[in-house]
Amino acid sequence: MKKYFILLCFCTLFLNSCKNETKDNGKLNIVTTTSMITDLVKNIGGDAINLQGLMGSGVDPHLYKASEGDVSKLVNADIIFYNGLHLEGKLVEVFEQMSSETKSPIALADELDKKGLIGSDYFASNYDPHVWFDIAYFKQFALKVTEVLSEQDPENSETYKRNEATYLEELDKLQDDVKGVVESLPPEKRILVTAHDAFNYFGEAYKFKVVGLQGLSTATEAGVKDVQKLSAFIIENKIKAIFVESSVPRRTIEALQEAVKSKGHDVEIGGTLFSDALGNEGTPEGTYIGMFRYNIKTIVSALQ
């Protein structure tokens, strides 16, 4: 992290004499971390802001390291939105060094009531950071983004509030639709086995038992004992399908599938779910709402 701090200081000292990489068109320059937050801010800010997301499709935020270009974007930003709860673990020190009276990166998860968060004895924050899989929490993210943008750019406040209202309506519809799809799956079949523990909030919201091969952070790799233990669980519960994640190497789930087969049983790979990142830009899965619809359809279809 020392090199990030040194680079950060360098960029700060010479900011006024160097060419600003962001657009100088009078609009707020916003930088976001994960693709979920980028999509959210895009929906609220629209054409009234300049927006740059650091992490694209398939990028694992647990392991992400800031490049020189990223630090330059962060220094030049008017506002920085990130998830928090140590999801962006390797960026935390960069954010802490940047904090000042004039610019403090905003952790959207700080807006959530900690009493409702899922605890963990094995993660640095003691809370599961994958809060976007509860749509109600993502709505709270939207409220905070609108509040911050309106405070920093009062001239476009009405635009932000209109966009927020439209987006919240879309999230309301998403909640209703997801609930309807889930209800088509019998409760006894609602067991979701994935590459790592990213879906616990989803499980709480829609009454799924969720089991991840790896822990909350992909920085912790699964061992042989983890694979054997989970394979026994799959056999005991007659689970039909398990799932790959787009931001986690496929081999972790394939090893689990082989362990089940070695014991004389079969389990399908039900598909690839989007967990810590959205799909490719320009595809339905490249938006938060499209990602959620794709995931629930994939899960329910495979477990039926």
Foldseek 3Di string as FASTA:
>chain_A
DVVLLVLLVVCLVCVVVDDQPFDPPPAFEEEEEFLQVQQLLCLLCPPRHHYYYDDAFLAQLLPDADDSVNSSSVSNGQEYEYADLCSNVNCVVVQVSPDDPRYHHHHLCVQDDVVPFDADPPGPSRTQSLQVLQLVSVLSSLVVSLVVSCVVPVVCSVSSVVSSVVVVVVSVVLLVVLQVLLVVADLLLQEAEEQEPQCPNNCVSRVHHYHHLAYSRVVGHHDPVSLLVVLVVCVVSVHAEYEYESNHDPVSVVSSQVSNVVVVDGHYHLYYAYGRHFHHPPDLSSHSSSRSVVRSVSSSVRSD
